[in-house]
Amino acid sequence: MATINCAGTLIDLSTPHVMGIINCTPDSFYDGGKLKNDAAILNQVEKMLDDGATFIDVGGYSSRPDGTDISVEEELSRVLPVLDLITARFDIKGLSCDSFRESVIKKAISHGATIVNDISAGHLSEDMLQIVGNFQIPYIMMHMRGTPQTMKSMTDYDDMILEINYYFSERIAAARSYGINDIIIDPGFGFAKTREQNFELLSNLNLLQAHNVPILAGVSRKSMIYKTLNTTAQQALNGTTALNMVSLMNGAKILRVHDVKEAMETIKLFKELTIN
C-alpha cells in the first residue's frame, strides 16, 4: 500500500500527496474554460508543481451533475494536445488522465499519461480494466452510480458506507484479476450522493481503509461545501481547506484539488499533528 509505480518511479504514499486538477473543459463547475491557451495551461501546471503537487490530473470530460455528454473524438481533441504540451515541458512521473473511456485512456497513455483516473471504476467501459492491466499503470477507481447525467437520481442507499465498501471490494477484486497492482480508491464525493450523504461519507472515510489501498479525497470547491456555507465555488477555498484536513485525519493519502499551495500547507500542519 505504501508505494505506487509511476513510469518506473516509486511514489511513497505512506505520507499524503497532492494531485492538481487541470480541466480542459468549457463547462466544469469551478474552472471550466479558464485555461484558454497553451501559455495558461503551462503556467498553471508550473505553479502547481512549484507549490508541491506530486500528481497532475488532466481531464476533458466534465463529470459534474448534468454535465454535457461529448463524443470520444471531442474528448481526445481536448486531452491529447494538453498531455503533449505538459510532457514536452515537464518531467512529471505522476501524470494522470481523468476518463472513463478505454479508447481515450489507451491514447492518453501513448501521449505520456502514467496514471488512469476512472470515475466509473470500469463500469462504463468494458475493456478499461484489461487496458490498465496490460499497461501496468496505477488505477484510481471511484465510487459512482449511473452516469454523470443520471447520478443525481441514484442516491437511495440502505446502508451507504456498507454498500460503498462492497462496491470497492468487488471492483478491487476485478482489477486484481486483470493484473492491476497499484490501486487507489476515491469515494466519489458528490457522485450519486446528496449533500448530507457526502458529510456522512467524510465522517466515515476511515472505514474505507479496510481495503488496504490508498484513499483519494476530492472535495475541492464542491457543492457540499458552498451550498452548506451559502456561497459559491469561487468562494469555497476556506471550506475546502477545512474538509481536506478532515480527509487527512480520516485516512486520505491523496488530496485532489484546484489549489495546491493551500492543500500542501494543510498536509504540513497535519504532519505536525501526527508527529506530536
C-alpha atoms as a PDB file:
ATOM      1  CA  MET A   1       0.000   0.000   0.000  1.00  0.00           C
ATOM      2  CA  ALA A   2       2.840   2.391   0.745  1.00  0.00           C
ATOM      3  CA  THR A   3       4.088   2.914  -2.826  1.00  0.00           C
ATOM      4  CA  ILE A   4       2.775   3.109  -6.371  1.00  0.00           C
ATOM      5  CA  ASN A   5       4.880   2.697  -9.503  1.00  0.00           C
ATOM      6  CA  CYS A   6       4.568   5.623 -11.916  1.00  0.00           C
ATOM      7  CA  ALA A   7       6.669   5.189 -15.050  1.00  0.00           C
ATOM      8  CA  GLY A   8       9.309   3.300 -13.114  1.00  0.00           C
ATOM      9  CA  THR A   9       9.403   5.730 -10.196  1.00  0.00           C
ATOM     10  CA  LEU A  10       8.094   4.539  -6.839  1.00  0.00           C
ATOM     11  CA  ILE A  11       5.980   7.195  -5.124  1.00  0.00           C
ATOM     12  CA  ASP A  12       5.629   6.710  -1.378  1.00  0.00           C
ATOM     13  CA  LEU A  13       2.039   7.191  -0.211  1.00  0.00           C
ATOM     14  CA  SER A  14       2.700   6.437   3.445  1.00  0.00           C
ATOM     15  CA  THR A  15       2.535  10.240   3.781  1.00  0.00           C
ATOM     16  CA  PRO A  16      -0.059  12.339   1.926  1.00  0.00           C
ATOM     17  CA  HIS A  17       0.416  13.913  -1.506  1.00  0.00           C
ATOM     18  CA  VAL A  18      -1.453  16.455  -3.638  1.00  0.00           C
ATOM     19  CA  MET A  19      -2.967  16.000  -7.099  1.00  0.00           C
ATOM     20  CA  GLY A  20      -3.559  19.208  -9.044  1.00  0.00           C
ATOM     21  CA  ILE A  21      -6.569  19.410 -11.362  1.00  0.00           C
ATOM     22  CA  ILE A  22      -6.191  20.580 -14.973  1.00  0.00           C
ATOM     23  CA  ASN A  23      -9.646  20.773 -16.538  1.00  0.00           C
ATOM     24  CA  CYS A  24      -9.653  21.021 -20.339  1.00  0.00           C
ATOM     25  CA  THR A  25     -13.393  21.564 -20.376  1.00  0.00           C
ATOM     26  CA  PRO A  26     -15.580  24.619 -21.012  1.00  0.00           C
ATOM     27  CA  ASP A  27     -18.237  23.567 -18.500  1.00  0.00           C
ATOM     28  CA  SER A  28     -16.566  22.287 -15.313  1.00  0.00           C
ATOM     29  CA  PHE A  29     -18.303  23.574 -12.195  1.00  0.00           C
ATOM     30  CA  TYR A  30     -15.410  25.740 -10.944  1.00  0.00           C
ATOM     31  CA  ASP A  31     -12.707  26.350 -13.533  1.00  0.00           C
ATOM     32  CA  GLY A  32     -14.403  25.474 -16.817  1.00  0.00           C
ATOM     33  CA  GLY A  33     -12.952  27.479 -19.686  1.00  0.00           C
ATOM     34  CA  LYS A  34     -10.271  29.211 -17.610  1.00  0.00           C
ATOM     35  CA  LEU A  35      -7.344  27.555 -19.370  1.00  0.00           C
ATOM     36  CA  LYS A  36      -7.883  29.102 -22.779  1.00  0.00           C
ATOM     37  CA  ASN A  37      -4.453  28.672 -24.371  1.00  0.00           C
ATOM     38  CA  ASP A  38      -1.143  26.840 -24.144  1.00  0.00           C
ATOM     39  CA  ALA A  39       0.503  29.516 -22.023  1.00  0.00           C
ATOM     40  CA  ALA A  40      -2.298  29.430 -19.448  1.00  0.00           C
ATOM     41  CA  ILE A  41      -2.078  25.643 -19.177  1.00  0.00           C
ATOM     42  CA  LEU A  42       1.697  25.617 -18.805  1.00  0.00           C
ATOM     43  CA  ASN A  43       1.615  28.428 -16.248  1.00  0.00           C
ATOM     44  CA  GLN A  44      -0.985  26.572 -14.193  1.00  0.00           C
ATOM     45  CA  VAL A  45       0.934  23.289 -14.271  1.00  0.00           C
ATOM     46  CA  GLU A  46       4.187  25.061 -13.387  1.00  0.00           C
ATOM     47  CA  LYS A  47       2.531  26.789 -10.442  1.00  0.00           C
ATOM     48  CA  MET A  48       1.047  23.532  -9.188  1.00  0.00           C
ATOM     49  CA  LEU A  49       4.406  21.768  -9.392  1.00  0.00           C
ATOM     50  CA  ASP A  50       6.194  24.676  -7.719  1.00  0.00           C
ATOM     51  CA  ASP A  51       3.571  24.628  -4.965  1.00  0.00           C
ATOM     52  CA  GLY A  52       4.291  20.949  -4.306  1.00  0.00           C
ATOM     53  CA  ALA A  53       1.941  18.799  -6.394  1.00  0.00           C
ATOM     54  CA  THR A  54       3.141  15.237  -6.975  1.00  0.00           C
ATOM     55  CA  PHE A  55       0.370  14.421  -9.435  1.00  0.00           C
ATOM     56  CA  ILE A  56      -1.298  16.377 -12.240  1.00  0.00           C
ATOM     57  CA  ASP A  57      -4.724  15.165 -13.392  1.00  0.00           C
ATOM     58  CA  VAL A  58      -5.826  16.113 -16.919  1.00  0.00           C
ATOM     59  CA  GLY A  59      -9.468  15.717 -17.898  1.00  0.00           C
ATOM     60  CA  GLY A  60     -11.517  16.644 -20.937  1.00  0.00           C
ATOM     61  CA  TYR A  61     -14.972  15.410 -19.913  1.00  0.00           C
ATOM     62  CA  SER A  62     -16.947  17.368 -17.340  1.00  0.00           C
ATOM     63  CA  SER A  63     -18.372  14.853 -14.862  1.00  0.00           C
ATOM     64  CA  ARG A  64     -20.371  17.416 -12.879  1.00  0.00           C
ATOM     65  CA  PRO A  65     -24.052  16.555 -12.356  1.00  0.00           C
ATOM     66  CA  ASP A  66     -25.981  17.143 -15.581  1.00  0.00           C
ATOM     67  CA  GLY A  67     -22.735  17.736 -17.465  1.00  0.00           C
ATOM     68  CA  THR A  68     -22.890  17.606 -21.262  1.00  0.00           C
ATOM     69  CA  ASP A  69     -22.104  14.239 -22.812  1.00  0.00           C
ATOM     70  CA  ILE A  70     -19.457  14.633 -25.509  1.00  0.00           C
ATOM     71  CA  SER A  71     -18.054  12.299 -28.146  1.00  0.00           C
ATOM     72  CA  VAL A  72     -14.837  10.333 -27.783  1.00  0.00           C
ATOM     73  CA  GLU A  73     -13.369  12.452 -30.583  1.00  0.00           C
ATOM     74  CA  GLU A  74     -14.169  15.676 -28.753  1.00  0.00           C
ATOM     75  CA  GLU A  75     -12.666  14.363 -25.518  1.00  0.00           C
ATOM     76  CA  LEU A  76      -9.497  13.283 -27.316  1.00  0.00           C
ATOM     77  CA  SER A  77      -9.203  16.668 -29.037  1.00  0.00           C
ATOM     78  CA  ARG A  78      -9.235  18.312 -25.615  1.00  0.00           C
ATOM     79  CA  VAL A  79      -6.949  15.926 -23.731  1.00  0.00           C
ATOM     80  CA  LEU A  80      -4.194  14.781 -26.081  1.00  0.00           C
ATOM     81  CA  PRO A  81      -2.807  18.219 -27.016  1.00  0.00           C
ATOM     82  CA  VAL A  82      -2.645  19.142 -23.328  1.00  0.00           C
ATOM     83  CA  LEU A  83      -0.806  15.934 -22.435  1.00  0.00           C
ATOM     84  CA  ASP A  84       1.646  16.628 -25.272  1.00  0.00           C
ATOM     85  CA  LEU A  85       2.107  20.190 -24.079  1.00  0.00           C
ATOM     86  CA  ILE A  86       2.789  19.117 -20.493  1.00  0.00           C
ATOM     87  CA  THR A  87       5.141  16.261 -21.309  1.00  0.00           C
ATOM     88  CA  ALA A  88       7.158  18.456 -23.682  1.00  0.00           C
ATOM     89  CA  ARG A  89       7.832  20.962 -20.896  1.00  0.00           C
ATOM     90  CA  PHE A  90       7.790  18.988 -17.638  1.00  0.00           C
ATOM     91  CA  ASP A  91       9.022  15.640 -16.364  1.00  0.00           C
ATOM     92  CA  ILE A  92       6.014  14.558 -14.289  1.00  0.00           C
ATOM     93  CA  LYS A  93       6.086  10.951 -13.125  1.00  0.00           C
ATOM     94  CA  GLY A  94       2.507  11.133 -11.839  1.00  0.00           C
ATOM     95  CA  LEU A  95       0.636  12.438 -14.890  1.00  0.00           C
ATOM     96  CA  SER A  96      -2.964  11.265 -14.689  1.00  0.00           C
ATOM     97  CA  CYS A  97      -5.697  11.165 -17.318  1.00  0.00           C
ATOM     98  CA  ASP A  98      -9.237  11.522 -15.989  1.00  0.00           C
ATOM     99  CA  SER A  99     -11.505   9.492 -18.268  1.00  0.00           C
ATOM    100  CA  PHE A 100     -13.925   6.574 -18.063  1.00  0.00           C
ATOM    101  CA  ARG A 101     -13.440   5.616 -21.739  1.00  0.00           C
ATOM    102  CA  GLU A 102     -10.849   2.976 -22.543  1.00  0.00           C
ATOM    103  CA  SER A 103     -10.289   4.387 -26.036  1.00  0.00           C
ATOM    104  CA  VAL A 104      -9.328   7.756 -24.537  1.00  0.00           C
ATOM    105  CA  ILE A 105      -7.101   6.137 -21.917  1.00  0.00           C
ATOM    106  CA  LYS A 106      -5.288   3.971 -24.463  1.00  0.00           C
ATOM    107  CA  LYS A 107      -4.313   7.033 -26.499  1.00  0.00           C
ATOM    108  CA  ALA A 108      -3.597   9.132 -23.402  1.00  0.00           C
ATOM    109  CA  ILE A 109      -1.039   6.566 -22.230  1.00  0.00           C
ATOM    110  CA  SER A 110       0.724   6.794 -25.597  1.00  0.00           C
ATOM    111  CA  HIS A 111       0.844  10.575 -25.073  1.00  0.00           C
ATOM    112  CA  GLY A 112       2.508  10.371 -21.669  1.00  0.00           C
ATOM    113  CA  ALA A 113      -0.183   9.603 -19.088  1.00  0.00           C
ATOM    114  CA  THR A 114       1.156   7.358 -16.318  1.00  0.00           C
ATOM    115  CA  ILE A 115      -1.992   7.042 -14.155  1.00  0.00           C
ATOM    116  CA  VAL A 116      -5.641   6.323 -15.005  1.00  0.00           C
ATOM    117  CA  ASN A 117      -8.354   8.158 -13.085  1.00  0.00           C
ATOM    118  CA  ASP A 118     -11.691   6.464 -13.827  1.00  0.00           C
ATOM    119  CA  ILE A 119     -14.853   7.847 -12.222  1.00  0.00           C
ATOM    120  CA  SER A 120     -16.732   4.655 -13.114  1.00  0.00           C
ATOM    121  CA  ALA A 121     -14.222   2.069 -11.822  1.00  0.00           C
ATOM    122  CA  GLY A 122     -14.589   0.238 -15.120  1.00  0.00           C
ATOM    123  CA  HIS A 123     -18.387   0.109 -15.124  1.00  0.00           C
ATOM    124  CA  LEU A 124     -18.794   2.443 -18.117  1.00  0.00           C
ATOM    125  CA  SER A 125     -16.115   0.874 -20.303  1.00  0.00           C
ATOM    126  CA  GLU A 126     -15.924  -2.885 -20.621  1.00  0.00           C
ATOM    127  CA  ASP A 127     -12.260  -3.003 -21.694  1.00  0.00           C
ATOM    128  CA  MET A 128     -10.875  -0.453 -19.214  1.00  0.00           C
ATOM    129  CA  LEU A 129      -9.511  -2.941 -16.683  1.00  0.00           C
ATOM    130  CA  GLN A 130      -7.893  -5.014 -19.418  1.00  0.00           C
ATOM    131  CA  ILE A 131      -6.089  -1.972 -20.832  1.00  0.00           C
ATOM    132  CA  VAL A 132      -4.894  -0.719 -17.451  1.00  0.00           C
ATOM    133  CA  GLY A 133      -3.681  -4.203 -16.587  1.00  0.00           C
ATOM    134  CA  ASN A 134      -1.857  -4.524 -19.902  1.00  0.00           C
ATOM    135  CA  PHE A 135      -0.025  -1.241 -19.398  1.00  0.00           C
ATOM    136  CA  GLN A 136       0.650  -1.940 -15.705  1.00  0.00           C
ATOM    137  CA  ILE A 137      -0.007   1.612 -14.504  1.00  0.00           C
ATOM    138  CA  PRO A 138      -1.728   2.846 -11.332  1.00  0.00           C
ATOM    139  CA  TYR A 139      -5.533   2.923 -11.406  1.00  0.00           C
ATOM    140  CA  ILE A 140      -7.745   5.318  -9.474  1.00  0.00           C
ATOM    141  CA  MET A 141     -11.237   3.864  -9.186  1.00  0.00           C
ATOM    142  CA  MET A 142     -14.126   5.988  -7.954  1.00  0.00           C
ATOM    143  CA  HIS A 143     -17.490   5.099  -6.459  1.00  0.00           C
ATOM    144  CA  MET A 144     -20.402   6.264  -8.562  1.00  0.00           C
ATOM    145  CA  ARG A 145     -23.806   5.039  -9.574  1.00  0.00           C
ATOM    146  CA  GLY A 146     -25.148   5.543 -13.074  1.00  0.00           C
ATOM    147  CA  THR A 147     -23.558   8.236 -15.228  1.00  0.00           C
ATOM    148  CA  PRO A 148     -22.875  11.954 -14.682  1.00  0.00           C
ATOM    149  CA  GLN A 149     -26.194  12.566 -16.425  1.00  0.00           C
ATOM    150  CA  THR A 150     -28.223  10.209 -14.177  1.00  0.00           C
ATOM    151  CA  MET A 151     -26.375  10.041 -10.851  1.00  0.00           C
ATOM    152  CA  LYS A 152     -28.400  12.741  -9.093  1.00  0.00           C
ATOM    153  CA  SER A 153     -31.426  10.428  -9.101  1.00  0.00           C
ATOM    154  CA  MET A 154     -29.480   7.461  -7.672  1.00  0.00           C
ATOM    155  CA  THR A 155     -28.892   8.462  -4.048  1.00  0.00           C
ATOM    156  CA  ASP A 156     -31.122   5.902  -2.313  1.00  0.00           C
ATOM    157  CA  TYR A 157     -28.981   3.629  -0.097  1.00  0.00           C
ATOM    158  CA  ASP A 158     -29.981   1.177   2.620  1.00  0.00           C
ATOM    159  CA  ASP A 159     -26.537   1.481   4.224  1.00  0.00           C
ATOM    160  CA  MET A 160     -24.327   3.794   2.182  1.00  0.00           C
ATOM    161  CA  ILE A 161     -20.965   3.032   3.819  1.00  0.00           C
ATOM    162  CA  LEU A 162     -21.586  -0.722   3.679  1.00  0.00           C
ATOM    163  CA  GLU A 163     -22.612  -0.510   0.029  1.00  0.00           C
ATOM    164  CA  ILE A 164     -19.579   1.601  -0.911  1.00  0.00           C
ATOM    165  CA  ASN A 165     -17.293  -0.871   0.836  1.00  0.00           C
ATOM    166  CA  TYR A 166     -18.938  -3.748  -1.003  1.00  0.00           C
ATOM    167  CA  TYR A 167     -18.553  -1.860  -4.286  1.00  0.00           C
ATOM    168  CA  PHE A 168     -14.833  -1.382  -3.719  1.00  0.00           C
ATOM    169  CA  SER A 169     -14.362  -4.994  -2.627  1.00  0.00           C
ATOM    170  CA  GLU A 170     -15.858  -6.163  -5.901  1.00  0.00           C
ATOM    171  CA  ARG A 171     -14.060  -3.589  -8.065  1.00  0.00           C
ATOM    172  CA  ILE A 172     -10.662  -4.201  -6.451  1.00  0.00           C
ATOM    173  CA  ALA A 173     -11.068  -7.944  -6.976  1.00  0.00           C
ATOM    174  CA  ALA A 174     -11.976  -7.342 -10.626  1.00  0.00           C
ATOM    175  CA  ALA A 175      -8.950  -5.073 -11.099  1.00  0.00           C
ATOM    176  CA  ARG A 176      -6.633  -7.597  -9.460  1.00  0.00           C
ATOM    177  CA  SER A 177      -7.925 -10.292 -11.812  1.00  0.00           C
ATOM    178  CA  TYR A 178      -6.580  -8.205 -14.693  1.00  0.00           C
ATOM    179  CA  GLY A 179      -3.182  -7.853 -13.037  1.00  0.00           C
ATOM    180  CA  ILE A 180      -3.617  -4.277 -11.813  1.00  0.00           C
ATOM    181  CA  ASN A 181      -1.249  -3.916  -8.870  1.00  0.00           C
ATOM    182  CA  ASP A 182      -1.426  -0.233  -7.890  1.00  0.00           C
ATOM    183  CA  ILE A 183      -4.978   0.690  -6.946  1.00  0.00           C
ATOM    184  CA  ILE A 184      -6.246   3.905  -5.345  1.00  0.00           C
ATOM    185  CA  ILE A 185      -9.869   4.310  -4.283  1.00  0.00           C
ATOM    186  CA  ASP A 186     -11.888   7.532  -4.470  1.00  0.00           C
ATOM    187  CA  PRO A 187     -15.176   7.522  -2.522  1.00  0.00           C
ATOM    188  CA  GLY A 188     -16.704   9.923  -5.034  1.00  0.00           C
ATOM    189  CA  PHE A 189     -17.901  12.936  -3.086  1.00  0.00           C
ATOM    190  CA  GLY A 190     -20.839  14.429  -4.970  1.00  0.00           C
ATOM    191  CA  PHE A 191     -21.327  11.427  -7.244  1.00  0.00           C
ATOM    192  CA  ALA A 192     -24.711   9.778  -6.585  1.00  0.00           C
ATOM    193  CA  LYS A 193     -24.697  11.280  -3.086  1.00  0.00           C
ATOM    194  CA  THR A 194     -26.678  14.072  -1.500  1.00  0.00           C
ATOM    195  CA  ARG A 195     -25.028  16.881   0.443  1.00  0.00           C
ATOM    196  CA  GLU A 196     -25.884  15.148   3.701  1.00  0.00           C
ATOM    197  CA  GLN A 197     -24.552  11.814   2.431  1.00  0.00           C
ATOM    198  CA  ASN A 198     -21.278  13.479   1.451  1.00  0.00           C
ATOM    199  CA  PHE A 199     -20.736  14.564   5.052  1.00  0.00           C
ATOM    200  CA  GLU A 200     -21.701  11.127   6.336  1.00  0.00           C
ATOM    201  CA  LEU A 201     -19.139   9.641   3.957  1.00  0.00           C
ATOM    202  CA  LEU A 202     -16.436  12.076   5.019  1.00  0.00           C
ATOM    203  CA  SER A 203     -17.105  11.323   8.680  1.00  0.00           C
ATOM    204  CA  ASN A 204     -16.684   7.610   7.985  1.00  0.00           C
ATOM    205  CA  LEU A 205     -13.865   7.792   5.463  1.00  0.00           C
ATOM    206  CA  ASN A 206     -11.613   5.834   7.806  1.00  0.00           C
ATOM    207  CA  LEU A 207     -13.841   2.772   7.294  1.00  0.00           C
ATOM    208  CA  LEU A 208     -12.583   2.533   3.708  1.00  0.00           C
ATOM    209  CA  GLN A 209      -9.070   1.821   4.964  1.00  0.00           C
ATOM    210  CA  ALA A 210     -10.083  -1.829   5.389  1.00  0.00           C
ATOM    211  CA  HIS A 211      -9.278  -2.352   1.682  1.00  0.00           C
ATOM    212  CA  ASN A 212      -5.608  -1.642   2.410  1.00  0.00           C
ATOM    213  CA  VAL A 213      -5.169   0.628  -0.617  1.00  0.00           C
ATOM    214  CA  PRO A 214      -4.584   4.401  -0.652  1.00  0.00           C
ATOM    215  CA  ILE A 215      -7.625   6.672  -0.462  1.00  0.00           C
ATOM    216  CA  LEU A 216      -8.003   9.767  -2.649  1.00  0.00           C
ATOM    217  CA  ALA A 217     -10.283  12.547  -1.420  1.00  0.00           C
ATOM    218  CA  GLY A 218     -11.711  15.045  -3.884  1.00  0.00           C
ATOM    219  CA  VAL A 219     -13.800  17.655  -2.089  1.00  0.00           C
ATOM    220  CA  SER A 220     -12.195  20.730  -3.661  1.00  0.00           C
ATOM    221  CA  ARG A 221     -14.710  23.581  -4.030  1.00  0.00           C
ATOM    222  CA  LYS A 222     -17.624  21.133  -4.372  1.00  0.00           C
ATOM    223  CA  SER A 223     -21.264  21.906  -3.685  1.00  0.00           C
ATOM    224  CA  MET A 224     -21.196  20.064  -0.336  1.00  0.00           C
ATOM    225  CA  ILE A 225     -19.046  23.000   0.774  1.00  0.00           C
ATOM    226  CA  TYR A 226     -20.501  26.023  -0.948  1.00  0.00           C
ATOM    227  CA  LYS A 227     -24.147  25.019  -0.534  1.00  0.00           C
ATOM    228  CA  THR A 228     -23.588  24.397   3.179  1.00  0.00           C
ATOM    229  CA  LEU A 229     -21.913  27.799   3.511  1.00  0.00           C
ATOM    230  CA  ASN A 230     -24.421  29.534   1.220  1.00  0.00           C
ATOM    231  CA  THR A 231     -21.685  30.795  -1.057  1.00  0.00           C
ATOM    232  CA  THR A 232     -20.146  29.859  -4.437  1.00  0.00           C
ATOM    233  CA  ALA A 233     -17.440  27.536  -5.715  1.00  0.00           C
ATOM    234  CA  GLN A 234     -15.259  30.608  -6.224  1.00  0.00           C
ATOM    235  CA  GLN A 235     -15.553  31.430  -2.502  1.00  0.00           C
ATOM    236  CA  ALA A 236     -15.134  27.864  -1.224  1.00  0.00           C
ATOM    237  CA  LEU A 237     -11.369  27.673  -0.681  1.00  0.00           C
ATOM    238  CA  ASN A 238     -11.546  28.085   3.086  1.00  0.00           C
ATOM    239  CA  GLY A 239     -14.198  25.375   3.341  1.00  0.00           C
ATOM    240  CA  THR A 240     -12.125  23.140   1.070  1.00  0.00           C
ATOM    241  CA  THR A 241      -9.133  23.507   3.366  1.00  0.00           C
ATOM    242  CA  ALA A 242     -11.238  22.620   6.398  1.00  0.00           C
ATOM    243  CA  LEU A 243     -12.584  19.441   4.806  1.00  0.00           C
ATOM    244  CA  ASN A 244      -9.186  18.500   3.388  1.00  0.00           C
ATOM    245  CA  MET A 245      -7.890  18.376   6.954  1.00  0.00           C
ATOM    246  CA  VAL A 246     -10.800  16.132   7.946  1.00  0.00           C
ATOM    247  CA  SER A 247      -9.998  13.906   4.962  1.00  0.00           C
ATOM    248  CA  LEU A 248      -6.380  13.580   6.071  1.00  0.00           C
ATOM    249  CA  MET A 249      -7.364  12.844   9.664  1.00  0.00           C
ATOM    250  CA  ASN A 250      -9.669  10.097   8.372  1.00  0.00           C
ATOM    251  CA  GLY A 251      -7.023   8.397   6.268  1.00  0.00           C
ATOM    252  CA  ALA A 252      -6.816  10.116   2.866  1.00  0.00           C
ATOM    253  CA  LYS A 253      -3.388   9.828   1.206  1.00  0.00           C
ATOM    254  CA  ILE A 254      -4.052  11.978  -1.874  1.00  0.00           C
ATOM    255  CA  LEU A 255      -5.897  15.303  -1.961  1.00  0.00           C
ATOM    256  CA  ARG A 256      -7.217  16.105  -5.443  1.00  0.00           C
ATOM    257  CA  VAL A 257      -7.507  19.888  -5.553  1.00  0.00           C
ATOM    258  CA  HIS A 258      -7.677  23.070  -7.590  1.00  0.00           C
ATOM    259  CA  ASP A 259      -5.490  24.937  -5.077  1.00  0.00           C
ATOM    260  CA  VAL A 260      -2.222  23.106  -4.472  1.00  0.00           C
ATOM    261  CA  LYS A 261      -0.466  25.587  -2.179  1.00  0.00           C
ATOM    262  CA  GLU A 262      -3.234  25.546   0.402  1.00  0.00           C
ATOM    263  CA  ALA A 263      -3.524  21.749   0.265  1.00  0.00           C
ATOM    264  CA  MET A 264       0.224  21.382   0.824  1.00  0.00           C
ATOM    265  CA  GLU A 265       0.002  23.708   3.836  1.00  0.00           C
ATOM    266  CA  THR A 266      -2.808  21.544   5.184  1.00  0.00           C
ATOM    267  CA  ILE A 267      -0.640  18.442   4.822  1.00  0.00           C
ATOM    268  CA  LYS A 268       2.287  20.169   6.542  1.00  0.00           C
ATOM    269  CA  LEU A 269       0.105  21.030   9.530  1.00  0.00           C
ATOM    270  CA  PHE A 270      -1.412  17.535   9.542  1.00  0.00           C
ATOM    271  CA  LYS A 271       2.058  16.003   9.731  1.00  0.00           C
ATOM    272  CA  GLU A 272       2.757  18.037  12.848  1.00  0.00           C
ATOM    273  CA  LEU A 273      -0.423  16.667  14.410  1.00  0.00           C
ATOM    274  CA  THR A 274       0.598  13.105  13.687  1.00  0.00           C
ATOM    275  CA  ILE A 275       4.178  13.621  14.891  1.00  0.00           C
ATOM    276  CA  ASN A 276       3.413  15.317  18.211  1.00  0.00           C
END
